Protein backbone atom coordinates (compact mmCIF):
# COMPACT_ATOMS: atom_id res chain seq x y z
CA UNK A 1 -68.91 48.66 -63.87
CA UNK A 2 -66.73 47.59 -60.95
CA UNK A 3 -63.08 47.72 -61.99
CA UNK A 4 -60.19 46.14 -60.12
CA UNK A 5 -56.88 47.64 -61.14
CA UNK A 6 -53.29 47.42 -59.92
CA UNK A 7 -50.84 50.35 -59.90
CA UNK A 8 -47.18 49.33 -59.78
CA UNK A 9 -44.34 51.63 -58.71
CA UNK A 10 -40.68 51.28 -57.85
CA UNK A 11 -39.99 52.07 -54.19
CA UNK A 12 -36.78 53.44 -52.67
CA UNK A 13 -36.33 52.01 -49.18
CA UNK A 14 -33.30 52.91 -47.09
CA UNK A 15 -30.84 50.31 -45.79
CA UNK A 16 -32.82 49.43 -42.65
CA UNK A 17 -36.07 49.17 -44.61
CA UNK A 18 -34.42 46.92 -47.20
CA UNK A 19 -33.34 44.55 -44.44
CA UNK A 20 -36.88 44.48 -43.04
CA UNK A 21 -38.36 43.79 -46.47
CA UNK A 22 -35.92 40.91 -46.95
CA UNK A 23 -36.80 39.61 -43.47
CA UNK A 24 -40.56 39.78 -44.18
CA UNK A 25 -40.05 37.92 -47.48
CA UNK A 26 -38.10 35.22 -45.63
CA UNK A 27 -40.75 34.88 -42.92
CA UNK A 28 -43.48 34.65 -45.56
CA UNK A 29 -41.59 31.86 -47.35
CA UNK A 30 -40.90 30.07 -44.06
CA UNK A 31 -44.58 30.00 -43.04
CA UNK A 32 -45.64 28.89 -46.53
CA UNK A 33 -43.15 26.00 -46.50
CA UNK A 34 -43.97 25.06 -42.89
CA UNK A 35 -47.69 24.91 -43.68
CA UNK A 36 -47.14 22.98 -46.90
CA UNK A 37 -44.94 20.44 -45.10
CA UNK A 38 -47.56 19.98 -42.34
CA UNK A 39 -50.34 19.57 -44.91
CA UNK A 40 -48.39 16.93 -46.87
CA UNK A 41 -47.61 14.94 -43.71
CA UNK A 42 -51.25 15.12 -42.61
CA UNK A 43 -52.41 13.90 -46.02
CA UNK A 44 -49.93 10.99 -45.96
CA UNK A 45 -51.22 9.97 -42.52
CA UNK A 46 -54.87 10.31 -43.58
CA UNK A 47 -55.79 10.76 -47.24
CA UNK A 48 -59.18 12.22 -46.24
CA UNK A 49 -57.49 15.28 -44.70
CA UNK A 50 -58.52 18.42 -46.57
CA UNK A 51 -56.74 21.77 -46.67
CA UNK A 52 -58.00 24.12 -43.97
CA UNK A 53 -56.77 27.72 -43.73
CA UNK A 54 -58.38 28.12 -40.29
CA UNK A 55 -56.56 25.09 -38.89
CA UNK A 56 -53.18 26.26 -40.21
CA UNK A 57 -53.75 29.85 -39.05
CA UNK A 58 -54.25 28.51 -35.50
CA UNK A 59 -50.67 27.17 -35.64
CA UNK A 60 -49.19 30.67 -36.09
CA UNK A 61 -49.08 31.56 -32.34
CA UNK A 62 -47.30 28.27 -31.61
CA UNK A 63 -44.84 28.79 -34.48
CA UNK A 64 -44.05 32.28 -33.18
CA UNK A 65 -43.07 30.75 -29.83
CA UNK A 66 -40.90 28.09 -31.48
CA UNK A 67 -39.33 30.51 -33.97
CA UNK A 68 -38.95 33.92 -32.32
CA UNK A 69 -37.97 35.70 -35.56
CA UNK A 70 -41.57 35.38 -36.76
CA UNK A 71 -42.64 37.84 -34.03
CA UNK A 72 -40.76 40.64 -35.82
CA UNK A 73 -42.88 40.15 -38.95
CA UNK A 74 -46.35 41.67 -39.30
CA UNK A 75 -49.01 39.07 -38.44
CA UNK A 76 -51.12 39.87 -41.51
CA UNK A 77 -48.15 39.13 -43.78
CA UNK A 78 -47.93 35.61 -42.35
CA UNK A 79 -51.68 35.11 -42.67
CA UNK A 80 -51.58 36.20 -46.30
CA UNK A 81 -48.85 33.63 -46.96
CA UNK A 82 -51.27 30.93 -45.79
CA UNK A 83 -53.93 32.46 -48.03
CA UNK A 84 -51.53 32.06 -50.96
CA UNK A 85 -51.10 28.38 -50.09
CA UNK A 86 -54.88 27.99 -49.94
CA UNK A 87 -55.15 29.57 -53.39
CA UNK A 88 -52.40 27.28 -54.72
CA UNK A 89 -54.29 24.20 -53.51
CA UNK A 90 -57.53 25.50 -55.01
CA UNK A 91 -55.90 26.00 -58.42
CA UNK A 92 -54.34 22.53 -58.21
CA UNK A 93 -57.64 20.77 -57.52
CA UNK A 94 -59.28 22.80 -60.31
CA UNK A 95 -56.51 21.51 -62.63
CA UNK A 96 -55.33 25.05 -63.40
CA UNK A 97 -51.84 24.58 -61.91
CA UNK A 98 -49.36 22.01 -60.64
CA UNK A 99 -49.15 20.86 -57.03
CA UNK A 100 -47.80 23.60 -54.69
CA UNK A 101 -44.01 23.65 -54.40
CA UNK A 102 -41.75 24.76 -51.57
CA UNK A 103 -40.51 28.32 -51.97
CA UNK A 104 -36.81 29.07 -52.33
CA UNK A 105 -34.83 32.02 -51.09
CA UNK A 106 -34.34 34.70 -53.74
CA UNK A 107 -37.12 33.43 -56.03
CA UNK A 108 -40.36 35.42 -56.19
CA UNK A 109 -39.59 37.35 -53.01
CA UNK A 110 -42.80 39.16 -52.07
CA UNK A 111 -45.35 39.65 -49.31
CA UNK A 112 -48.75 41.32 -49.05
CA UNK A 113 -50.63 43.66 -46.69
CA UNK A 114 -54.44 43.34 -46.84
CA UNK A 115 -54.87 46.60 -44.90
CA UNK A 116 -53.08 49.19 -42.78
CA UNK A 117 -51.14 50.92 -45.56
CA UNK A 118 -51.40 54.67 -46.19
CA UNK A 119 -50.40 56.64 -49.29
CA UNK A 120 -49.47 60.31 -49.66
CA UNK A 121 -49.24 60.89 -53.39
CA UNK A 122 -48.50 64.58 -53.00
CA UNK A 123 -45.39 63.67 -50.97
CA UNK A 124 -44.44 60.56 -53.05
CA UNK A 125 -44.41 58.24 -50.08
CA UNK A 126 -46.40 55.35 -48.56
CA UNK A 127 -46.70 53.87 -45.07
CA UNK A 128 -45.99 50.17 -44.64
CA UNK A 129 -46.79 48.64 -41.20
CA UNK A 130 -43.64 47.73 -39.20
CA UNK A 131 -41.47 49.22 -41.98
CA UNK A 132 -42.42 52.91 -41.96
CA UNK A 133 -42.67 55.63 -44.60
CA UNK A 134 -41.06 54.60 -47.89
CA UNK A 135 -40.40 56.82 -50.90
CA UNK A 136 -41.63 55.69 -54.31
CA UNK A 137 -41.42 56.86 -57.93
CA UNK A 138 -44.82 58.46 -58.44
CA UNK A 139 -45.59 57.99 -62.15
CA UNK A 140 -49.41 57.93 -62.23
CA UNK A 141 -52.48 58.86 -60.23
CA UNK A 142 -53.92 56.08 -58.04
CA UNK A 143 -57.68 55.68 -58.47
CA UNK A 144 -60.19 53.96 -56.21
CA UNK A 145 -60.20 52.32 -52.79
CA UNK A 146 -57.08 50.39 -51.81
CA UNK A 147 -57.78 46.68 -51.29
CA UNK A 148 -54.25 45.33 -50.73
CA UNK A 149 -50.59 46.24 -51.16
CA UNK A 150 -47.88 43.82 -52.36
CA UNK A 151 -44.17 44.45 -51.88
CA UNK A 152 -41.74 42.56 -54.13
CA UNK A 153 -38.02 42.43 -54.87
CA UNK A 154 -36.57 41.64 -58.28
CA UNK A 155 -33.03 42.01 -59.64
CA UNK A 156 -31.98 44.28 -56.80
CA UNK A 157 -34.98 46.62 -57.19
CA UNK A 158 -38.01 46.94 -54.92
CA UNK A 159 -41.58 47.41 -56.17
CA UNK A 160 -45.02 48.03 -54.74
CA UNK A 161 -48.24 46.89 -56.40
CA UNK A 162 -51.36 48.64 -55.11
CA UNK A 163 -54.63 46.92 -56.01
CA UNK A 164 -57.66 49.20 -55.99
CA UNK A 165 -61.37 48.91 -56.68
CA UNK A 166 -63.63 51.59 -58.13
CA UNK A 167 -66.85 52.10 -60.08
CA UNK A 168 -66.57 53.49 -63.59
CA UNK A 169 -69.21 54.30 -66.20
CA UNK A 170 -68.31 52.39 -69.37
CA UNK A 171 -68.48 54.75 -72.38
CA UNK A 172 -70.03 53.91 -75.74
CA UNK A 173 -67.15 53.03 -78.05
CA UNK A 174 -67.20 54.93 -81.35
CA UNK A 175 -64.50 52.88 -83.08
CA UNK A 176 -64.76 50.43 -85.97
CA UNK A 177 -64.34 46.65 -86.07
CA UNK A 178 -61.13 44.80 -86.85
CA UNK A 179 -59.87 41.26 -87.23
CA UNK A 180 -56.46 40.14 -85.95
CA UNK A 181 -54.37 37.23 -87.22
CA UNK A 182 -51.45 36.17 -85.04
CA UNK A 183 -48.25 34.98 -86.66
CA UNK A 184 -44.52 34.51 -86.25
CA UNK A 185 -43.16 36.47 -89.22
CA UNK A 186 -45.66 39.23 -88.42
CA UNK A 187 -46.75 39.50 -84.81
CA UNK A 188 -50.28 40.69 -85.61
CA UNK A 189 -51.81 41.30 -89.03
CA UNK A 190 -55.00 43.41 -89.11
CA UNK A 191 -57.89 42.92 -91.51
CA UNK A 192 -57.50 46.51 -92.77
CA UNK A 193 -54.05 45.65 -94.17
CA UNK A 194 -51.96 46.99 -91.30
CA UNK A 195 -49.62 44.84 -89.27
CA UNK A 196 -47.20 44.92 -86.33
CA UNK A 197 -43.69 43.54 -86.58
CA UNK A 198 -42.57 41.12 -83.83
CA UNK A 199 -40.27 42.49 -81.15
CA UNK A 200 -38.57 39.13 -80.40
CA UNK A 201 -36.99 40.44 -77.19
CA UNK A 202 -35.66 37.00 -76.18
CA UNK A 203 -34.08 36.43 -79.59
CA UNK A 204 -32.28 39.80 -79.40
CA UNK A 205 -30.68 38.90 -76.07
CA UNK A 206 -30.28 35.17 -76.68
CA UNK A 207 -26.56 35.35 -77.44
CA UNK A 208 -25.70 37.47 -74.38
CA UNK A 209 -27.84 35.15 -72.25
CA UNK A 210 -26.04 32.10 -73.62
CA UNK A 211 -22.62 33.54 -72.78
CA UNK A 212 -23.77 34.53 -69.28
CA UNK A 213 -25.11 31.03 -68.62
CA UNK A 214 -21.90 29.44 -69.90
CA UNK A 215 -19.92 31.65 -67.52
CA UNK A 216 -22.20 30.54 -64.66
CA UNK A 217 -21.59 26.85 -65.43
CA UNK A 218 -17.81 27.31 -64.98
CA UNK A 219 -18.11 28.75 -61.47
CA UNK A 220 -18.29 26.90 -58.17
CA UNK A 221 -21.94 26.49 -57.22
CA UNK A 222 -23.15 28.88 -54.48
CA UNK A 223 -19.79 30.70 -54.37
CA UNK A 224 -19.71 34.51 -54.28
CA UNK A 225 -18.82 34.76 -57.99
CA UNK A 226 -21.54 32.21 -58.84
CA UNK A 227 -24.14 34.35 -57.04
CA UNK A 228 -22.93 37.49 -58.82
CA UNK A 229 -23.17 35.81 -62.22
CA UNK A 230 -26.62 34.44 -61.41
CA UNK A 231 -27.72 38.00 -60.60
CA UNK A 232 -26.48 39.15 -64.03
CA UNK A 233 -28.52 36.40 -65.72
CA UNK A 234 -31.58 37.50 -63.76
CA UNK A 235 -31.12 41.08 -64.98
CA UNK A 236 -31.02 39.91 -68.60
CA UNK A 237 -34.26 37.96 -68.12
CA UNK A 238 -35.79 41.01 -66.39
CA UNK A 239 -34.82 43.22 -69.33
CA UNK A 240 -36.35 40.76 -71.82
CA UNK A 241 -39.59 40.59 -69.82
CA UNK A 242 -39.89 44.37 -69.45
CA UNK A 243 -39.36 44.96 -73.18
CA UNK A 244 -42.00 42.36 -74.09
CA UNK A 245 -44.58 43.74 -71.63
CA UNK A 246 -44.01 47.33 -72.78
CA UNK A 247 -44.46 46.37 -76.45
CA UNK A 248 -47.63 44.34 -75.80
CA UNK A 249 -49.19 47.12 -73.74
CA UNK A 250 -48.55 49.73 -76.43
CA UNK A 251 -50.04 47.59 -79.22
CA UNK A 252 -53.06 46.36 -77.25
CA UNK A 253 -53.87 49.91 -76.06
CA UNK A 254 -53.69 51.29 -79.60
CA UNK A 255 -55.98 48.58 -80.98
CA UNK A 256 -58.54 48.81 -78.15
CA UNK A 257 -58.77 52.62 -78.37
CA UNK A 258 -59.42 52.62 -82.13
CA UNK A 259 -61.71 49.59 -82.51
CA UNK A 260 -64.98 48.74 -80.75
CA UNK A 261 -65.23 45.17 -82.06
CA UNK A 262 -62.12 42.99 -82.18
CA UNK A 263 -62.12 39.51 -83.71
CA UNK A 264 -59.28 37.17 -82.70
CA UNK A 265 -58.59 33.49 -83.25
CA UNK A 266 -59.32 31.36 -80.18
CA UNK A 267 -55.81 29.91 -80.13
CA UNK A 268 -54.79 27.37 -77.49
CA UNK A 269 -51.25 28.64 -77.00
CA UNK A 270 -50.32 25.95 -74.45
CA UNK A 271 -51.19 23.20 -76.93
CA UNK A 272 -49.53 24.98 -79.87
CA UNK A 273 -46.24 25.34 -78.00
CA UNK A 274 -45.99 21.76 -76.72
CA UNK A 275 -42.73 19.90 -77.29
CA UNK A 276 -42.50 17.56 -80.30
CA UNK A 277 -39.85 15.26 -78.79
CA UNK A 278 -42.30 12.42 -78.27
CA UNK A 279 -41.41 9.39 -76.14
CA UNK A 280 -38.61 6.81 -76.07
CA UNK A 281 -40.86 4.35 -77.89
CA UNK A 282 -42.21 6.84 -80.43
CA UNK A 283 -39.77 9.58 -81.40
CA UNK A 284 -41.12 12.93 -82.56
CA UNK A 285 -40.69 14.44 -86.03
CA UNK A 286 -39.14 17.79 -86.99
CA UNK A 287 -38.15 18.37 -83.36
CA UNK A 288 -35.65 21.17 -84.08
CA UNK A 289 -38.08 23.10 -86.30
CA UNK A 290 -40.92 22.73 -83.79
CA UNK A 291 -38.64 23.84 -80.98
CA UNK A 292 -37.80 27.03 -82.87
CA UNK A 293 -41.49 27.68 -83.58
CA UNK A 294 -42.40 27.14 -79.92
CA UNK A 295 -39.68 29.53 -78.85
CA UNK A 296 -40.96 32.23 -81.23
CA UNK A 297 -44.58 31.83 -80.07
CA UNK A 298 -43.66 32.09 -76.40
CA UNK A 299 -41.22 34.94 -77.07
CA UNK A 300 -43.97 37.05 -78.65
CA UNK A 301 -46.44 36.52 -75.80
CA UNK A 302 -49.64 35.61 -77.66
CA UNK A 303 -51.56 34.61 -74.52
CA UNK A 304 -50.65 37.82 -72.67
CA UNK A 305 -51.64 39.89 -75.71
CA UNK A 306 -55.08 38.24 -75.80
CA UNK A 307 -55.50 38.80 -72.05
CA UNK A 308 -54.72 42.51 -72.41
CA UNK A 309 -57.17 42.88 -75.29
CA UNK A 310 -59.94 41.32 -73.18
CA UNK A 311 -59.77 43.61 -70.17
CA UNK A 312 -58.80 46.81 -72.00
CA UNK A 313 -61.71 46.45 -74.44
CA UNK A 314 -64.11 45.90 -71.53
CA UNK A 315 -62.87 49.08 -69.81
CA UNK A 316 -63.29 51.15 -72.99
CA UNK A 317 -66.71 49.78 -73.94
CA UNK A 318 -65.51 47.47 -76.70
CA UNK A 319 -65.87 43.74 -77.29
CA UNK A 320 -63.47 40.91 -78.11
CA UNK A 321 -64.95 38.02 -80.11
CA UNK A 322 -63.05 34.71 -80.15
CA UNK A 323 -63.35 32.93 -83.50
CA UNK A 324 -62.88 29.18 -83.99
CA UNK A 325 -59.50 28.92 -85.79
CA UNK A 326 -60.54 25.85 -87.80
CA UNK A 327 -59.93 26.45 -91.56
CA UNK A 328 -59.43 30.19 -91.06
CA UNK A 329 -56.21 30.07 -93.10
CA UNK A 330 -57.83 28.02 -95.90
CA UNK A 331 -61.10 29.95 -96.34
CA UNK A 332 -61.32 32.52 -99.11
CA UNK A 333 -62.71 35.84 -97.74
CA UNK A 334 -64.09 36.67 -101.20
CA UNK A 335 -66.05 33.55 -102.24
CA UNK A 336 -65.89 31.43 -99.06
CA UNK A 337 -64.26 28.45 -100.77
CA UNK A 338 -62.36 26.17 -98.34
CA UNK A 339 -59.44 24.17 -99.70
CA UNK A 340 -55.97 23.14 -98.60
CA UNK A 341 -54.66 24.25 -102.01
CA UNK A 342 -55.59 27.88 -101.21
CA UNK A 343 -52.53 28.08 -98.95
CA UNK A 344 -49.66 26.74 -101.06
CA UNK A 345 -47.06 28.76 -99.10
CA UNK A 346 -46.87 30.12 -95.58
CA UNK A 347 -46.76 33.74 -96.75
CA UNK A 348 -49.30 33.91 -99.61
CA UNK A 349 -52.98 33.05 -100.08
CA UNK A 350 -54.37 32.26 -103.54
CA UNK A 351 -57.93 30.98 -103.94
CA UNK A 352 -58.16 28.16 -106.51
CA UNK A 353 -61.87 28.90 -107.05
CA UNK A 354 -62.07 32.65 -107.73
CA UNK A 355 -58.38 33.61 -108.02
CA UNK A 356 -58.34 36.01 -105.04
CA UNK A 357 -54.79 36.70 -103.84
CA UNK A 358 -53.51 38.31 -100.64
CA UNK A 359 -50.84 38.05 -97.97
CA UNK A 360 -51.74 35.07 -95.80
């Protein structure tokens, strides 16, 4: 089986290298925005104009003459920025994403090398074209052939993501089968009676985040203190995200290692977490309660958990089976009787036909 895997590490560039990374991120954003602006103007002039990577890539030599700072950036970095725009358009026309937006400074700062990078794991360093040798925190062995390298900056820290490709023989899984029910009070309840408590990382930091955002609102926009406070808010969000990802990875790895067949509800998380506000003509009902439920669902990361189960099971030789969620909470597992009365409360299940009782 051909496996594509990414290995992410924190890198430790020196002062000069940090400035170059920031410059490359800025050049990547500039080319993306320049190409997007040209494409929008061309479409407004002629609605039959289609996106063409080749046509936009031919503008790069001219843009380098007009804007000399682009010459200091690696040419492949600029080309990859246009590739990202091409991908954004493709996802938009496939109705998988919104229309591409202009990139802002300080948001999602990253750039990518498709080739030319070298790694010396024994010396804990990697070579980045036009930047040089950079130290990194070597926490795991890199497997496979390197396909591309992405450099990113977040909350004052720099990271490298190395995507590789390798062949691996999928083993025969010796584990059992298990069913998983997702919930809010309990993050995941297993069919063998076990369960995992929710982490609720956003809820734990919600108060500190509220105070930090209030402090930001009192400061003059774009002032030095405003930028400092905005950085503090970003660090809180980063901490919440890291805690959630760590918890999901631990749980999904444990389940996939111990069970060969995993049954999960085919939940449409995007639809379940839609706002209940309604429209001006038709106001929604129970808006506050639905808002709290949506927040809990998104805080726990149901979609990401399902995604991790899918690829980890495939790597370990297991299978994930998506079950239609219709009537799953009303069906008695003992006699198969389906009735709304079986679920009188959110926490308990009691079959009106055979009397079977269990935690819902």
